[in-house]
Amino acid sequence: MWRAEEMQEFTPGLVLRDRYRLKSVLGRGAMGQVREACDVYLERPVAVKTVAADLPAVP
């Protein structure tokens, strides 16, 4: 999971952490977003969740 403040603009085709290629938004809510992605190493579909930057950190 990535905090939105750490991320650049999410666009289709962007690869996160050299592993997850983003595709489309699956859902949005008060806490963040879930995006369809592809794990480029395992070559399988995954979901990537981002958390809104204004949420407090949980230890």
PDB file of N, CA and C in Angstrom:
ATOM      1  N   MET A   1       0.852  -1.161   0.000  1.00  0.00           N
ATOM      2  CA  MET A   1       0.000   0.000   0.000  1.00  0.00           C
ATOM      3  C   MET A   1       0.902   1.229   0.000  1.00  0.00           C
ATOM      4  N   TRP A   2       0.520   2.235  -0.789  1.00  0.00           N
ATOM      5  CA  TRP A   2       1.295   3.457  -0.888  1.00  0.00           C
ATOM      6  C   TRP A   2       0.451   4.642  -0.477  1.00  0.00           C
ATOM      7  N   ARG A   3       1.051   5.569   0.242  1.00  0.00           N
ATOM      8  CA  ARG A   3       0.354   6.805   0.601  1.00  0.00           C
ATOM      9  C   ARG A   3       0.399   7.734  -0.609  1.00  0.00           C
ATOM     10  N   ALA A   4      -0.715   8.394  -0.866  1.00  0.00           N
ATOM     11  CA  ALA A   4      -0.828   9.254  -2.044  1.00  0.00           C
ATOM     12  C   ALA A   4       0.226  10.360  -2.054  1.00  0.00           C
ATOM     13  N   GLU A   5       0.626  10.861  -0.882  1.00  0.00           N
ATOM     14  CA  GLU A   5       1.612  11.948  -0.842  1.00  0.00           C
ATOM     15  C   GLU A   5       2.973  11.503  -1.353  1.00  0.00           C
ATOM     16  N   GLU A   6       3.245  10.203  -1.336  1.00  0.00           N
ATOM     17  CA  GLU A   6       4.521   9.680  -1.799  1.00  0.00           C
ATOM     18  C   GLU A   6       4.517   9.414  -3.301  1.00  0.00           C
ATOM     19  N   MET A   7       3.346   9.463  -3.910  1.00  0.00           N
ATOM     20  CA  MET A   7       3.213   9.041  -5.287  1.00  0.00           C
ATOM     21  C   MET A   7       3.086  10.230  -6.220  1.00  0.00           C
ATOM     22  N   GLN A   8       3.541  10.031  -7.446  1.00  0.00           N
ATOM     23  CA  GLN A   8       3.303  11.015  -8.476  1.00  0.00           C
ATOM     24  C   GLN A   8       1.896  10.787  -9.038  1.00  0.00           C
ATOM     25  N   GLU A   9       1.529  11.532 -10.038  1.00  0.00           N
ATOM     26  CA  GLU A   9       0.222  11.375 -10.662  1.00  0.00           C
ATOM     27  C   GLU A   9       0.088   9.950 -11.199  1.00  0.00           C
ATOM     28  N   PHE A  10      -1.038   9.322 -10.894  1.00  0.00           N
ATOM     29  CA  PHE A  10      -1.297   7.968 -11.381  1.00  0.00           C
ATOM     30  C   PHE A  10      -1.852   8.043 -12.791  1.00  0.00           C
ATOM     31  N   THR A  11      -1.173   7.422 -13.721  1.00  0.00           N
ATOM     32  CA  THR A  11      -1.651   7.356 -15.096  1.00  0.00           C
ATOM     33  C   THR A  11      -1.519   5.923 -15.579  1.00  0.00           C
ATOM     34  N   PRO A  12      -2.420   5.481 -16.457  1.00  0.00           N
ATOM     35  CA  PRO A  12      -2.298   4.125 -16.992  1.00  0.00           C
ATOM     36  C   PRO A  12      -0.924   3.917 -17.617  1.00  0.00           C
ATOM     37  N   GLY A  13      -0.323   2.783 -17.331  1.00  0.00           N
ATOM     38  CA  GLY A  13       1.003   2.468 -17.853  1.00  0.00           C
ATOM     39  C   GLY A  13       2.135   2.777 -16.885  1.00  0.00           C
ATOM     40  N   LEU A  14       1.868   3.595 -15.863  1.00  0.00           N
ATOM     41  CA  LEU A  14       2.885   3.903 -14.858  1.00  0.00           C
ATOM     42  C   LEU A  14       3.260   2.627 -14.107  1.00  0.00           C
ATOM     43  N   VAL A  15       4.551   2.402 -13.890  1.00  0.00           N
ATOM     44  CA  VAL A  15       5.019   1.228 -13.153  1.00  0.00           C
ATOM     45  C   VAL A  15       5.492   1.669 -11.775  1.00  0.00           C
ATOM     46  N   LEU A  16       4.879   1.100 -10.737  1.00  0.00           N
ATOM     47  CA  LEU A  16       5.219   1.422  -9.353  1.00  0.00           C
ATOM     48  C   LEU A  16       6.223   0.418  -8.819  1.00  0.00           C
ATOM     49  N   ARG A  17       7.226   0.935  -8.118  1.00  0.00           N
ATOM     50  CA  ARG A  17       8.236   0.087  -7.466  1.00  0.00           C
ATOM     51  C   ARG A  17       8.860  -0.929  -8.427  1.00  0.00           C
ATOM     52  N   ASP A  18       8.946  -0.566  -9.690  1.00  0.00           N
ATOM     53  CA  ASP A  18       9.515  -1.445 -10.730  1.00  0.00           C
ATOM     54  C   ASP A  18       8.793  -2.782 -10.823  1.00  0.00           C
ATOM     55  N   ARG A  19       7.516  -2.799 -10.437  1.00  0.00           N
ATOM     56  CA  ARG A  19       6.820  -4.081 -10.416  1.00  0.00           C
ATOM     57  C   ARG A  19       5.371  -4.035 -10.886  1.00  0.00           C
ATOM     58  N   TYR A  20       4.621  -3.010 -10.516  1.00  0.00           N
ATOM     59  CA  TYR A  20       3.181  -2.994 -10.763  1.00  0.00           C
ATOM     60  C   TYR A  20       2.817  -1.963 -11.825  1.00  0.00           C
ATOM     61  N   ARG A  21       2.358  -2.440 -12.981  1.00  0.00           N
ATOM     62  CA  ARG A  21       1.954  -1.555 -14.076  1.00  0.00           C
ATOM     63  C   ARG A  21       0.468  -1.243 -13.914  1.00  0.00           C
ATOM     64  N   LEU A  22       0.155   0.052 -13.715  1.00  0.00           N
ATOM     65  CA  LEU A  22      -1.219   0.471 -13.490  1.00  0.00           C
ATOM     66  C   LEU A  22      -2.049   0.409 -14.758  1.00  0.00           C
ATOM     67  N   LYS A  23      -3.330   0.069 -14.564  1.00  0.00           N
ATOM     68  CA  LYS A  23      -4.256   0.033 -15.697  1.00  0.00           C
ATOM     69  C   LYS A  23      -5.397   1.023 -15.501  1.00  0.00           C
ATOM     70  N   SER A  24      -6.342   0.730 -14.631  1.00  0.00           N
ATOM     71  CA  SER A  24      -7.511   1.602 -14.483  1.00  0.00           C
ATOM     72  C   SER A  24      -7.961   1.648 -13.028  1.00  0.00           C
ATOM     73  N   VAL A  25      -8.828   2.610 -12.726  1.00  0.00           N
ATOM     74  CA  VAL A  25      -9.380   2.752 -11.373  1.00  0.00           C
ATOM     75  C   VAL A  25     -10.524   1.760 -11.209  1.00  0.00           C
ATOM     76  N   LEU A  26     -10.457   0.955 -10.155  1.00  0.00           N
ATOM     77  CA  LEU A  26     -11.538   0.019  -9.837  1.00  0.00           C
ATOM     78  C   LEU A  26     -12.538   0.626  -8.869  1.00  0.00           C
ATOM     79  N   GLY A  27     -12.043   1.472  -7.962  1.00  0.00           N
ATOM     80  CA  GLY A  27     -12.932   2.079  -6.988  1.00  0.00           C
ATOM     81  C   GLY A  27     -12.263   3.224  -6.257  1.00  0.00           C
ATOM     82  N   ARG A  28     -13.110   4.118  -5.712  1.00  0.00           N
ATOM     83  CA  ARG A  28     -12.620   5.259  -4.944  1.00  0.00           C
ATOM     84  C   ARG A  28     -13.484   5.394  -3.710  1.00  0.00           C
ATOM     85  N   GLY A  29     -12.880   5.847  -2.637  1.00  0.00           N
ATOM     86  CA  GLY A  29     -13.615   6.074  -1.405  1.00  0.00           C
ATOM     87  C   GLY A  29     -12.939   7.141  -0.582  1.00  0.00           C
ATOM     88  N   ALA A  30     -13.438   7.322   0.616  1.00  0.00           N
ATOM     89  CA  ALA A  30     -12.908   8.361   1.499  1.00  0.00           C
ATOM     90  C   ALA A  30     -11.461   8.092   1.899  1.00  0.00           C
ATOM     91  N   MET A  31     -11.063   6.829   1.922  1.00  0.00           N
ATOM     92  CA  MET A  31      -9.710   6.483   2.369  1.00  0.00           C
ATOM     93  C   MET A  31      -8.688   6.425   1.243  1.00  0.00           C
ATOM     94  N   GLY A  32      -9.127   6.351  -0.009  1.00  0.00           N
ATOM     95  CA  GLY A  32      -8.167   6.273  -1.096  1.00  0.00           C
ATOM     96  C   GLY A  32      -8.763   5.672  -2.348  1.00  0.00           C
ATOM     97  N   GLN A  33      -7.914   5.025  -3.136  1.00  0.00           N
ATOM     98  CA  GLN A  33      -8.321   4.435  -4.409  1.00  0.00           C
ATOM     99  C   GLN A  33      -7.769   3.024  -4.544  1.00  0.00           C
ATOM    100  N   VAL A  34      -8.467   2.220  -5.363  1.00  0.00           N
ATOM    101  CA  VAL A  34      -7.979   0.892  -5.728  1.00  0.00           C
ATOM    102  C   VAL A  34      -7.887   0.874  -7.246  1.00  0.00           C
ATOM    103  N   ARG A  35      -6.738   0.440  -7.725  1.00  0.00           N
ATOM    104  CA  ARG A  35      -6.506   0.414  -9.167  1.00  0.00           C
ATOM    105  C   ARG A  35      -6.190  -0.992  -9.644  1.00  0.00           C
ATOM    106  N   GLU A  36      -6.669  -1.296 -10.827  1.00  0.00           N
ATOM    107  CA  GLU A  36      -6.296  -2.534 -11.503  1.00  0.00           C
ATOM    108  C   GLU A  36      -4.861  -2.369 -11.975  1.00  0.00           C
ATOM    109  N   ALA A  37      -4.061  -3.418 -11.823  1.00  0.00           N
ATOM    110  CA  ALA A  37      -2.665  -3.366 -12.248  1.00  0.00           C
ATOM    111  C   ALA A  37      -2.220  -4.761 -12.673  1.00  0.00           C
ATOM    112  N   CYS A  38      -0.998  -4.830 -13.154  1.00  0.00           N
ATOM    113  CA  CYS A  38      -0.400  -6.110 -13.537  1.00  0.00           C
ATOM    114  C   CYS A  38       0.950  -6.232 -12.843  1.00  0.00           C
ATOM    115  N   ASP A  39       1.179  -7.357 -12.192  1.00  0.00           N
ATOM    116  CA  ASP A  39       2.480  -7.640 -11.595  1.00  0.00           C
ATOM    117  C   ASP A  39       3.394  -8.057 -12.742  1.00  0.00           C
ATOM    118  N   VAL A  40       4.377  -7.226 -13.067  1.00  0.00           N
ATOM    119  CA  VAL A  40       5.199  -7.486 -14.242  1.00  0.00           C
ATOM    120  C   VAL A  40       6.153  -8.667 -14.065  1.00  0.00           C
ATOM    121  N   TYR A  41       6.452  -9.042 -12.808  1.00  0.00           N
ATOM    122  CA  TYR A  41       7.316 -10.203 -12.579  1.00  0.00           C
ATOM    123  C   TYR A  41       6.537 -11.504 -12.643  1.00  0.00           C
ATOM    124  N   LEU A  42       5.389 -11.550 -12.016  1.00  0.00           N
ATOM    125  CA  LEU A  42       4.580 -12.773 -11.992  1.00  0.00           C
ATOM    126  C   LEU A  42       3.610 -12.862 -13.160  1.00  0.00           C
ATOM    127  N   GLU A  43       3.502 -11.756 -13.925  1.00  0.00           N
ATOM    128  CA  GLU A  43       2.614 -11.695 -15.084  1.00  0.00           C
ATOM    129  C   GLU A  43       1.195 -12.123 -14.725  1.00  0.00           C
ATOM    130  N   ARG A  44       0.645 -11.448 -13.701  1.00  0.00           N
ATOM    131  CA  ARG A  44      -0.725 -11.743 -13.293  1.00  0.00           C
ATOM    132  C   ARG A  44      -1.404 -10.454 -12.836  1.00  0.00           C
ATOM    133  N   PRO A  45      -2.735 -10.425 -12.906  1.00  0.00           N
ATOM    134  CA  PRO A  45      -3.453  -9.226 -12.476  1.00  0.00           C
ATOM    135  C   PRO A  45      -3.434  -9.070 -10.962  1.00  0.00           C
ATOM    136  N   VAL A  46      -3.358  -7.833 -10.510  1.00  0.00           N
ATOM    137  CA  VAL A  46      -3.376  -7.511  -9.084  1.00  0.00           C
ATOM    138  C   VAL A  46      -4.187  -6.227  -8.893  1.00  0.00           C
ATOM    139  N   ALA A  47      -4.487  -5.907  -7.643  1.00  0.00           N
ATOM    140  CA  ALA A  47      -5.099  -4.629  -7.293  1.00  0.00           C
ATOM    141  C   ALA A  47      -4.088  -3.862  -6.448  1.00  0.00           C
ATOM    142  N   VAL A  48      -3.971  -2.564  -6.708  1.00  0.00           N
ATOM    143  CA  VAL A  48      -3.059  -1.697  -5.956  1.00  0.00           C
ATOM    144  C   VAL A  48      -3.908  -0.663  -5.228  1.00  0.00           C
ATOM    145  N   LYS A  49      -3.730  -0.580  -3.916  1.00  0.00           N
ATOM    146  CA  LYS A  49      -4.490   0.381  -3.118  1.00  0.00           C
ATOM    147  C   LYS A  49      -3.589   1.541  -2.731  1.00  0.00           C
ATOM    148  N   THR A  50      -4.102   2.751  -2.895  1.00  0.00           N
ATOM    149  CA  THR A  50      -3.405   3.943  -2.427  1.00  0.00           C
ATOM    150  C   THR A  50      -4.256   4.576  -1.335  1.00  0.00           C
ATOM    151  N   VAL A  51      -3.611   5.104  -0.321  1.00  0.00           N
ATOM    152  CA  VAL A  51      -4.290   5.707   0.818  1.00  0.00           C
ATOM    153  C   VAL A  51      -4.182   7.217   0.716  1.00  0.00           C
ATOM    154  N   ALA A  52      -5.268   7.908   1.007  1.00  0.00           N
ATOM    155  CA  ALA A  52      -5.286   9.366   0.948  1.00  0.00           C
ATOM    156  C   ALA A  52      -4.219   9.946   1.875  1.00  0.00           C
ATOM    157  N   ALA A  53      -3.550  10.997   1.423  1.00  0.00           N
ATOM    158  CA  ALA A  53      -2.449  11.601   2.161  1.00  0.00           C
ATOM    159  C   ALA A  53      -2.889  12.246   3.465  1.00  0.00           C
ATOM    160  N   ASP A  54      -4.163  12.627   3.576  1.00  0.00           N
ATOM    161  CA  ASP A  54      -4.620  13.326   4.771  1.00  0.00           C
ATOM    162  C   ASP A  54      -5.046  12.396   5.906  1.00  0.00           C
ATOM    163  N   LEU A  55      -4.919  11.088   5.737  1.00  0.00           N
ATOM    164  CA  LEU A  55      -5.238  10.145   6.807  1.00  0.00           C
ATOM    165  C   LEU A  55      -4.064  10.039   7.773  1.00  0.00           C
ATOM    166  N   PRO A  56      -4.314   9.908   9.057  1.00  0.00           N
ATOM    167  CA  PRO A  56      -3.213   9.760  10.012  1.00  0.00           C
ATOM    168  C   PRO A  56      -2.519   8.420   9.819  1.00  0.00           C
ATOM    169  N   ALA A  57      -1.222   8.406  10.062  1.00  0.00           N
ATOM    170  CA  ALA A  57      -0.448   7.167   9.960  1.00  0.00           C
ATOM    171  C   ALA A  57      -0.799   6.254  11.121  1.00  0.00           C
ATOM    172  N   VAL A  58      -0.890   4.962  10.825  1.00  0.00           N
ATOM    173  CA  VAL A  58      -1.169   3.972  11.858  1.00  0.00           C
ATOM    174  C   VAL A  58       0.103   3.157  12.077  1.00  0.00           C
ATOM    175  N   PRO A  59       0.595   3.091  13.306  1.00  0.00           N
ATOM    176  CA  PRO A  59       1.850   2.358  13.548  1.00  0.00           C
ATOM    177  C   PRO A  59       1.699   0.866  13.325  1.00  0.00           C
TER     178      PRO A  59
END
